[in-house]
PDB file of N, CA and C in Angstrom:
ATOM      1  N   MET A   1       1.110   6.201  -1.162  1.00  0.00           N
ATOM      2  CA  MET A   1      -0.134   6.127  -0.437  1.00  0.00           C
ATOM      3  C   MET A   1       0.145   5.712   1.003  1.00  0.00           C
ATOM      4  N   VAL A   2      -0.688   6.141   1.885  1.00  0.00           N
ATOM      5  CA  VAL A   2      -0.607   5.784   3.291  1.00  0.00           C
ATOM      6  C   VAL A   2      -0.932   4.301   3.445  1.00  0.00           C
ATOM      7  N   ASP A   3      -0.298   3.638   4.414  1.00  0.00           N
ATOM      8  CA  ASP A   3      -0.589   2.235   4.703  1.00  0.00           C
ATOM      9  C   ASP A   3      -2.094   2.070   4.880  1.00  0.00           C
ATOM     10  N   PRO A   4      -2.770   1.264   4.035  1.00  0.00           N
ATOM     11  CA  PRO A   4      -4.228   1.163   4.094  1.00  0.00           C
ATOM     12  C   PRO A   4      -4.771   0.505   5.347  1.00  0.00           C
ATOM     13  N   THR A   5      -3.910  -0.148   6.133  1.00  0.00           N
ATOM     14  CA  THR A   5      -4.392  -0.777   7.359  1.00  0.00           C
ATOM     15  C   THR A   5      -4.238   0.125   8.570  1.00  0.00           C
ATOM     16  N   SER A   6      -3.642   1.298   8.388  1.00  0.00           N
ATOM     17  CA  SER A   6      -3.418   2.194   9.520  1.00  0.00           C
ATOM     18  C   SER A   6      -4.545   3.211   9.635  1.00  0.00           C
ATOM     19  N   ASP A   7      -4.565   3.929  10.745  1.00  0.00           N
ATOM     20  CA  ASP A   7      -5.492   5.040  10.915  1.00  0.00           C
ATOM     21  C   ASP A   7      -5.040   6.137   9.972  1.00  0.00           C
ATOM     22  N   ILE A   8      -5.857   6.474   9.001  1.00  0.00           N
ATOM     23  CA  ILE A   8      -5.447   7.434   7.979  1.00  0.00           C
ATOM     24  C   ILE A   8      -5.254   8.811   8.572  1.00  0.00           C
ATOM     25  N   GLY A   9      -6.201   9.282   9.372  1.00  0.00           N
ATOM     26  CA  GLY A   9      -6.069  10.603   9.981  1.00  0.00           C
ATOM     27  C   GLY A   9      -6.011  11.693   8.934  1.00  0.00           C
ATOM     28  N   ASP A  10      -5.360  12.789   9.241  1.00  0.00           N
ATOM     29  CA  ASP A  10      -5.241  13.898   8.303  1.00  0.00           C
ATOM     30  C   ASP A  10      -3.996  13.710   7.450  1.00  0.00           C
ATOM     31  N   VAL A  11      -4.183  13.486   6.159  1.00  0.00           N
ATOM     32  CA  VAL A  11      -3.076  13.329   5.217  1.00  0.00           C
ATOM     33  C   VAL A  11      -3.308  14.246   4.032  1.00  0.00           C
ATOM     34  N   ASP A  12      -2.260  14.492   3.278  1.00  0.00           N
ATOM     35  CA  ASP A  12      -2.402  15.261   2.057  1.00  0.00           C
ATOM     36  C   ASP A  12      -3.254  14.468   1.068  1.00  0.00           C
ATOM     37  N   PRO A  13      -4.160  15.122   0.347  1.00  0.00           N
ATOM     38  CA  PRO A  13      -5.025  14.408  -0.605  1.00  0.00           C
ATOM     39  C   PRO A  13      -4.257  13.581  -1.633  1.00  0.00           C
ATOM     40  N   GLU A  14      -3.085  14.031  -2.060  1.00  0.00           N
ATOM     41  CA  GLU A  14      -2.335  13.255  -3.057  1.00  0.00           C
ATOM     42  C   GLU A  14      -1.742  11.977  -2.480  1.00  0.00           C
ATOM     43  N   ASP A  15      -1.646  11.873  -1.153  1.00  0.00           N
ATOM     44  CA  ASP A  15      -1.140  10.668  -0.500  1.00  0.00           C
ATOM     45  C   ASP A  15      -2.252   9.757   0.012  1.00  0.00           C
ATOM     46  N   ALA A  16      -3.476  10.215  -0.051  1.00  0.00           N
ATOM     47  CA  ALA A  16      -4.603   9.482   0.506  1.00  0.00           C
ATOM     48  C   ALA A  16      -5.176   8.498  -0.516  1.00  0.00           C
ATOM     49  N   PRO A  17      -5.774   7.400  -0.030  1.00  0.00           N
ATOM     50  CA  PRO A  17      -6.467   6.500  -0.954  1.00  0.00           C
ATOM     51  C   PRO A  17      -7.712   7.184  -1.507  1.00  0.00           C
ATOM     52  N   ALA A  18      -8.213   6.697  -2.629  1.00  0.00           N
ATOM     53  CA  ALA A  18      -9.418   7.260  -3.248  1.00  0.00           C
ATOM     54  C   ALA A  18     -10.650   6.493  -2.805  1.00  0.00           C
ATOM     55  N   CYS A  19     -11.755   7.191  -2.643  1.00  0.00           N
ATOM     56  CA  CYS A  19     -13.032   6.566  -2.304  1.00  0.00           C
ATOM     57  C   CYS A  19     -13.434   5.638  -3.455  1.00  0.00           C
ATOM     58  N   ALA A  20     -13.858   4.425  -3.128  1.00  0.00           N
ATOM     59  CA  ALA A  20     -14.237   3.435  -4.134  1.00  0.00           C
ATOM     60  C   ALA A  20     -15.507   3.815  -4.889  1.00  0.00           C
ATOM     61  N   VAL A  21     -16.284   4.757  -4.363  1.00  0.00           N
ATOM     62  CA  VAL A  21     -17.538   5.154  -5.014  1.00  0.00           C
ATOM     63  C   VAL A  21     -17.388   6.458  -5.782  1.00  0.00           C
ATOM     64  N   CYS A  22     -16.962   7.519  -5.113  1.00  0.00           N
ATOM     65  CA  CYS A  22     -16.947   8.839  -5.757  1.00  0.00           C
ATOM     66  C   CYS A  22     -15.563   9.277  -6.209  1.00  0.00           C
ATOM     67  N   GLY A  23     -14.508   8.580  -5.780  1.00  0.00           N
ATOM     68  CA  GLY A  23     -13.156   8.913  -6.202  1.00  0.00           C
ATOM     69  C   GLY A  23     -12.488  10.021  -5.410  1.00  0.00           C
ATOM     70  N   ALA A  24     -13.181  10.594  -4.442  1.00  0.00           N
ATOM     71  CA  ALA A  24     -12.598  11.660  -3.620  1.00  0.00           C
ATOM     72  C   ALA A  24     -11.471  11.102  -2.755  1.00  0.00           C
ATOM     73  N   ALA A  25     -10.511  11.948  -2.439  1.00  0.00           N
ATOM     74  CA  ALA A  25      -9.435  11.552  -1.536  1.00  0.00           C
ATOM     75  C   ALA A  25     -10.014  11.263  -0.157  1.00  0.00           C
ATOM     76  N   VAL A  26      -9.651  10.127   0.408  1.00  0.00           N
ATOM     77  CA  VAL A  26     -10.164   9.715   1.718  1.00  0.00           C
ATOM     78  C   VAL A  26      -9.220  10.264   2.780  1.00  0.00           C
ATOM     79  N   THR A  27      -9.644  11.343   3.427  1.00  0.00           N
ATOM     80  CA  THR A  27      -8.853  11.978   4.470  1.00  0.00           C
ATOM     81  C   THR A  27      -9.747  12.236   5.678  1.00  0.00           C
ATOM     82  N   GLY A  28      -9.147  12.485   6.802  1.00  0.00           N
ATOM     83  CA  GLY A  28      -9.909  12.845   7.992  1.00  0.00           C
ATOM     84  C   GLY A  28     -10.492  11.656   8.720  1.00  0.00           C
ATOM     85  N   ASP A  29     -11.390  11.961   9.647  1.00  0.00           N
ATOM     86  CA  ASP A  29     -11.936  10.942  10.544  1.00  0.00           C
ATOM     87  C   ASP A  29     -13.216  10.299  10.056  1.00  0.00           C
ATOM     88  N   GLU A  30     -13.797  10.751   8.975  1.00  0.00           N
ATOM     89  CA  GLU A  30     -15.075  10.216   8.501  1.00  0.00           C
ATOM     90  C   GLU A  30     -14.916   8.966   7.638  1.00  0.00           C
ATOM     91  N   HIS A  31     -13.694   8.571   7.319  1.00  0.00           N
ATOM     92  CA  HIS A  31     -13.499   7.471   6.373  1.00  0.00           C
ATOM     93  C   HIS A  31     -13.966   6.130   6.932  1.00  0.00           C
ATOM     94  N   ARG A  32     -14.284   5.238   6.004  1.00  0.00           N
ATOM     95  CA  ARG A  32     -14.668   3.868   6.329  1.00  0.00           C
ATOM     96  C   ARG A  32     -13.868   2.936   5.424  1.00  0.00           C
ATOM     97  N   VAL A  33     -13.573   1.730   5.911  1.00  0.00           N
ATOM     98  CA  VAL A  33     -12.847   0.732   5.127  1.00  0.00           C
ATOM     99  C   VAL A  33     -13.566  -0.603   5.268  1.00  0.00           C
ATOM    100  N   ARG A  34     -13.690  -1.313   4.170  1.00  0.00           N
ATOM    101  CA  ARG A  34     -14.208  -2.680   4.202  1.00  0.00           C
ATOM    102  C   ARG A  34     -13.117  -3.583   3.664  1.00  0.00           C
ATOM    103  N   SER A  35     -12.833  -4.677   4.392  1.00  0.00           N
ATOM    104  CA  SER A  35     -11.807  -5.641   4.000  1.00  0.00           C
ATOM    105  C   SER A  35     -12.414  -7.033   3.957  1.00  0.00           C
ATOM    106  N   TRP A  36     -11.880  -7.876   3.074  1.00  0.00           N
ATOM    107  CA  TRP A  36     -12.333  -9.250   2.968  1.00  0.00           C
ATOM    108  C   TRP A  36     -11.227 -10.073   2.313  1.00  0.00           C
ATOM    109  N   VAL A  37     -11.361 -11.401   2.394  1.00  0.00           N
ATOM    110  CA  VAL A  37     -10.405 -12.305   1.756  1.00  0.00           C
ATOM    111  C   VAL A  37     -11.097 -12.925   0.549  1.00  0.00           C
ATOM    112  N   GLU A  38     -10.422 -12.852  -0.608  1.00  0.00           N
ATOM    113  CA  GLU A  38     -10.962 -13.405  -1.844  1.00  0.00           C
ATOM    114  C   GLU A  38      -9.849 -14.161  -2.558  1.00  0.00           C
ATOM    115  N   ASP A  39     -10.066 -15.442  -2.783  1.00  0.00           N
ATOM    116  CA  ASP A  39      -9.065 -16.281  -3.448  1.00  0.00           C
ATOM    117  C   ASP A  39      -7.699 -16.203  -2.771  1.00  0.00           C
ATOM    118  N   GLY A  40      -7.699 -16.160  -1.446  1.00  0.00           N
ATOM    119  CA  GLY A  40      -6.460 -16.144  -0.686  1.00  0.00           C
ATOM    120  C   GLY A  40      -5.776 -14.787  -0.603  1.00  0.00           C
ATOM    121  N   ASN A  41      -6.374 -13.757  -1.175  1.00  0.00           N
ATOM    122  CA  ASN A  41      -5.815 -12.404  -1.130  1.00  0.00           C
ATOM    123  C   ASN A  41      -6.707 -11.496  -0.300  1.00  0.00           C
ATOM    124  N   VAL A  42      -6.087 -10.599   0.444  1.00  0.00           N
ATOM    125  CA  VAL A  42      -6.848  -9.619   1.207  1.00  0.00           C
ATOM    126  C   VAL A  42      -7.198  -8.455   0.287  1.00  0.00           C
ATOM    127  N   GLU A  43      -8.473  -8.151   0.200  1.00  0.00           N
ATOM    128  CA  GLU A  43      -8.963  -7.024  -0.595  1.00  0.00           C
ATOM    129  C   GLU A  43      -9.516  -5.975   0.365  1.00  0.00           C
ATOM    130  N   HIS A  44      -9.455  -4.722  -0.020  1.00  0.00           N
ATOM    131  CA  HIS A  44     -10.038  -3.673   0.806  1.00  0.00           C
ATOM    132  C   HIS A  44     -10.462  -2.513  -0.074  1.00  0.00           C
ATOM    133  N   ARG A  45     -11.483  -1.799   0.380  1.00  0.00           N
ATOM    134  CA  ARG A  45     -11.966  -0.606  -0.313  1.00  0.00           C
ATOM    135  C   ARG A  45     -12.132   0.497   0.726  1.00  0.00           C
ATOM    136  N   HIS A  46     -11.756   1.703   0.339  1.00  0.00           N
ATOM    137  CA  HIS A  46     -11.882   2.880   1.192  1.00  0.00           C
ATOM    138  C   HIS A  46     -13.088   3.695   0.747  1.00  0.00           C
ATOM    139  N   PHE A  47     -13.733   4.342   1.716  1.00  0.00           N
ATOM    140  CA  PHE A  47     -14.899   5.179   1.445  1.00  0.00           C
ATOM    141  C   PHE A  47     -14.771   6.466   2.237  1.00  0.00           C
ATOM    142  N   CYS A  48     -15.170   7.572   1.607  1.00  0.00           N
ATOM    143  CA  CYS A  48     -14.979   8.872   2.253  1.00  0.00           C
ATOM    144  C   CYS A  48     -15.995   9.128   3.364  1.00  0.00           C
ATOM    145  N   ASP A  49     -17.148   8.446   3.327  1.00  0.00           N
ATOM    146  CA  ASP A  49     -18.155   8.633   4.374  1.00  0.00           C
ATOM    147  C   ASP A  49     -19.158   7.484   4.348  1.00  0.00           C
ATOM    148  N   ASP A  50     -20.114   7.515   5.280  1.00  0.00           N
ATOM    149  CA  ASP A  50     -21.116   6.457   5.377  1.00  0.00           C
ATOM    150  C   ASP A  50     -22.001   6.385   4.142  1.00  0.00           C
ATOM    151  N   ASP A  51     -22.299   7.519   3.511  1.00  0.00           N
ATOM    152  CA  ASP A  51     -23.162   7.513   2.326  1.00  0.00           C
ATOM    153  C   ASP A  51     -22.526   6.718   1.188  1.00  0.00           C
ATOM    154  N   CYS A  52     -21.246   6.936   0.934  1.00  0.00           N
ATOM    155  CA  CYS A  52     -20.570   6.179  -0.121  1.00  0.00           C
ATOM    156  C   CYS A  52     -20.474   4.705   0.229  1.00  0.00           C
ATOM    157  N   LEU A  53     -20.210   4.392   1.497  1.00  0.00           N
ATOM    158  CA  LEU A  53     -20.164   2.995   1.924  1.00  0.00           C
ATOM    159  C   LEU A  53     -21.511   2.332   1.698  1.00  0.00           C
ATOM    160  N   GLU A  54     -22.587   2.988   2.084  1.00  0.00           N
ATOM    161  CA  GLU A  54     -23.923   2.420   1.886  1.00  0.00           C
ATOM    162  C   GLU A  54     -24.243   2.231   0.408  1.00  0.00           C
ATOM    163  N   GLU A  55     -23.821   3.170  -0.437  1.00  0.00           N
ATOM    164  CA  GLU A  55     -24.040   3.025  -1.882  1.00  0.00           C
ATOM    165  C   GLU A  55     -23.305   1.824  -2.414  1.00  0.00           C
ATOM    166  N   TRP A  56     -22.071   1.610  -1.960  1.00  0.00           N
ATOM    167  CA  TRP A  56     -21.276   0.458  -2.407  1.00  0.00           C
ATOM    168  C   TRP A  56     -21.869  -0.854  -1.916  1.00  0.00           C
ATOM    169  N   ASP A  57     -22.318  -0.882  -0.638  1.00  0.00           N
ATOM    170  CA  ASP A  57     -22.899  -2.092  -0.055  1.00  0.00           C
ATOM    171  C   ASP A  57     -24.206  -2.463  -0.747  1.00  0.00           C
ATOM    172  N   GLY A  58     -24.863  -1.456  -1.311  1.00  0.00           N
ATOM    173  CA  GLY A  58     -26.098  -1.677  -2.062  1.00  0.00           C
ATOM    174  C   GLY A  58     -27.191  -2.164  -1.212  1.00  0.00           C
TER     175      GLY A  58
END
């Protein structure tokens, strides 16, 4: 998988992270990432677009 903290850009779908909502490969410029610290660990989720991010944010 591509380094999750880097600009993903255009990558092959098999190397891309999966969207936390729909499971689609997160590629291209439309992706969104949310990061937070939980119990001393950095957590992050990738989203393929604003709609999936909004669904996750609830």
